[in-house]
Amino acid sequence: MPRMCRISYHGRDWCLSDLAREHHLHPNTLAARLKSGMSIEQALSTKISTKSEAGSRGFAASLVANRRTNRRSRA
């Protein structure tokens, strides 16, 4: 049985899977992003890379690149 994870976001308590689906993400994608250290705002706003976007670097490298881009845009 999966563990329930509650997240407070914009003044409301969410189940992780409901919040993920509300933002058109798979619950495992949101959970992995949060576990990797992303803030909830970053995790929800980072677009999903396709295989062609990730290219030969691989998906994990494209996630790191997205994180770097998000940090630069906030500075």
C-alpha atoms as a PDB file:
ATOM      1  CA  MET A   1       0.000   0.000   0.000  1.00  0.00           C
ATOM      2  CA  PRO A   2       1.492   3.394  -1.003  1.00  0.00           C
ATOM      3  CA  ARG A   3       2.389   5.875   1.684  1.00  0.00           C
ATOM      4  CA  MET A   4       0.253   9.020   1.765  1.00  0.00           C
ATOM      5  CA  CYS A   5       2.244  12.211   1.503  1.00  0.00           C
ATOM      6  CA  ARG A   6       0.577  15.510   2.377  1.00  0.00           C
ATOM      7  CA  ILE A   7       1.957  18.763   0.983  1.00  0.00           C
ATOM      8  CA  SER A   8       0.930  22.307   1.866  1.00  0.00           C
ATOM      9  CA  TYR A   9       0.813  24.417  -1.273  1.00  0.00           C
ATOM     10  CA  HIS A  10      -0.846  27.813  -1.699  1.00  0.00           C
ATOM     11  CA  GLY A  11      -2.647  27.547   1.614  1.00  0.00           C
ATOM     12  CA  ARG A  12      -4.163  24.148   0.945  1.00  0.00           C
ATOM     13  CA  ASP A  13      -3.165  20.634   2.008  1.00  0.00           C
ATOM     14  CA  TRP A  14      -2.718  18.275  -0.932  1.00  0.00           C
ATOM     15  CA  CYS A  15      -2.108  14.597  -1.365  1.00  0.00           C
ATOM     16  CA  LEU A  16       1.062  14.346  -3.492  1.00  0.00           C
ATOM     17  CA  SER A  17      -0.702  12.396  -6.240  1.00  0.00           C
ATOM     18  CA  ASP A  18      -3.592  14.904  -6.449  1.00  0.00           C
ATOM     19  CA  LEU A  19      -1.207  17.856  -6.623  1.00  0.00           C
ATOM     20  CA  ALA A  20       0.878  16.147  -9.310  1.00  0.00           C
ATOM     21  CA  ARG A  21      -2.139  15.363 -11.458  1.00  0.00           C
ATOM     22  CA  GLU A  22      -3.506  18.891 -11.002  1.00  0.00           C
ATOM     23  CA  HIS A  23      -0.258  20.121 -12.601  1.00  0.00           C
ATOM     24  CA  HIS A  24      -0.213  17.428 -15.332  1.00  0.00           C
ATOM     25  CA  LEU A  25       2.650  15.456 -13.772  1.00  0.00           C
ATOM     26  CA  HIS A  26       2.933  11.806 -12.879  1.00  0.00           C
ATOM     27  CA  PRO A  27       3.037  11.430  -9.068  1.00  0.00           C
ATOM     28  CA  ASN A  28       6.382   9.592  -9.289  1.00  0.00           C
ATOM     29  CA  THR A  29       7.839  12.519 -11.246  1.00  0.00           C
ATOM     30  CA  LEU A  30       6.808  15.003  -8.571  1.00  0.00           C
ATOM     31  CA  ALA A  31       8.049  12.731  -5.771  1.00  0.00           C
ATOM     32  CA  ALA A  32      11.442  12.264  -7.468  1.00  0.00           C
ATOM     33  CA  ARG A  33      11.844  16.004  -8.022  1.00  0.00           C
ATOM     34  CA  LEU A  34      11.070  16.772  -4.399  1.00  0.00           C
ATOM     35  CA  LYS A  35      13.392  14.010  -3.202  1.00  0.00           C
ATOM     36  CA  SER A  36      16.194  15.463  -5.381  1.00  0.00           C
ATOM     37  CA  GLY A  37      15.944  18.747  -3.468  1.00  0.00           C
ATOM     38  CA  MET A  38      13.759  20.868  -5.733  1.00  0.00           C
ATOM     39  CA  SER A  39      11.384  23.300  -4.082  1.00  0.00           C
ATOM     40  CA  ILE A  40       7.705  22.590  -4.602  1.00  0.00           C
ATOM     41  CA  GLU A  41       7.478  25.587  -6.974  1.00  0.00           C
ATOM     42  CA  GLN A  42      10.402  24.315  -9.074  1.00  0.00           C
ATOM     43  CA  ALA A  43       9.102  20.756  -9.092  1.00  0.00           C
ATOM     44  CA  LEU A  44       5.698  21.859 -10.374  1.00  0.00           C
ATOM     45  CA  SER A  45       6.935  24.382 -12.931  1.00  0.00           C
ATOM     46  CA  THR A  46       9.801  22.420 -14.541  1.00  0.00           C
ATOM     47  CA  LYS A  47       8.670  21.083 -17.886  1.00  0.00           C
ATOM     48  CA  ILE A  48       8.965  17.399 -18.665  1.00  0.00           C
ATOM     49  CA  SER A  49      11.800  16.605 -21.069  1.00  0.00           C
ATOM     50  CA  THR A  50      11.078  14.365 -24.013  1.00  0.00           C
ATOM     51  CA  LYS A  51      13.606  11.823 -25.226  1.00  0.00           C
ATOM     52  CA  SER A  52      14.515  14.064 -28.150  1.00  0.00           C
ATOM     53  CA  GLU A  53      15.057  17.050 -25.832  1.00  0.00           C
ATOM     54  CA  ALA A  54      17.216  14.992 -23.506  1.00  0.00           C
ATOM     55  CA  GLY A  55      19.202  13.727 -26.496  1.00  0.00           C
ATOM     56  CA  SER A  56      22.381  11.802 -25.958  1.00  0.00           C
ATOM     57  CA  ARG A  57      22.930  13.437 -22.557  1.00  0.00           C
ATOM     58  CA  GLY A  58      20.171  11.345 -21.050  1.00  0.00           C
ATOM     59  CA  PHE A  59      17.185  12.357 -18.989  1.00  0.00           C
ATOM     60  CA  ALA A  60      19.046  12.926 -15.706  1.00  0.00           C
ATOM     61  CA  ALA A  61      21.423  15.376 -17.369  1.00  0.00           C
ATOM     62  CA  SER A  62      18.497  17.318 -18.801  1.00  0.00           C
ATOM     63  CA  LEU A  63      16.991  17.611 -15.315  1.00  0.00           C
ATOM     64  CA  VAL A  64      20.256  19.075 -14.032  1.00  0.00           C
ATOM     65  CA  ALA A  65      20.313  21.511 -16.970  1.00  0.00           C
ATOM     66  CA  ASN A  66      16.735  22.580 -16.201  1.00  0.00           C
ATOM     67  CA  ARG A  67      17.651  23.165 -12.567  1.00  0.00           C
ATOM     68  CA  ARG A  68      20.621  25.342 -13.599  1.00  0.00           C
ATOM     69  CA  THR A  69      18.394  27.355 -15.929  1.00  0.00           C
ATOM     70  CA  ASN A  70      15.843  27.892 -13.134  1.00  0.00           C
ATOM     71  CA  ARG A  71      18.571  29.099 -10.753  1.00  0.00           C
ATOM     72  CA  ARG A  72      19.894  31.588 -13.326  1.00  0.00           C
ATOM     73  CA  SER A  73      16.437  32.995 -14.032  1.00  0.00           C
ATOM     74  CA  ARG A  74      15.836  33.658 -10.330  1.00  0.00           C
ATOM     75  CA  ALA A  75      19.137  35.548  -9.882  1.00  0.00           C
END
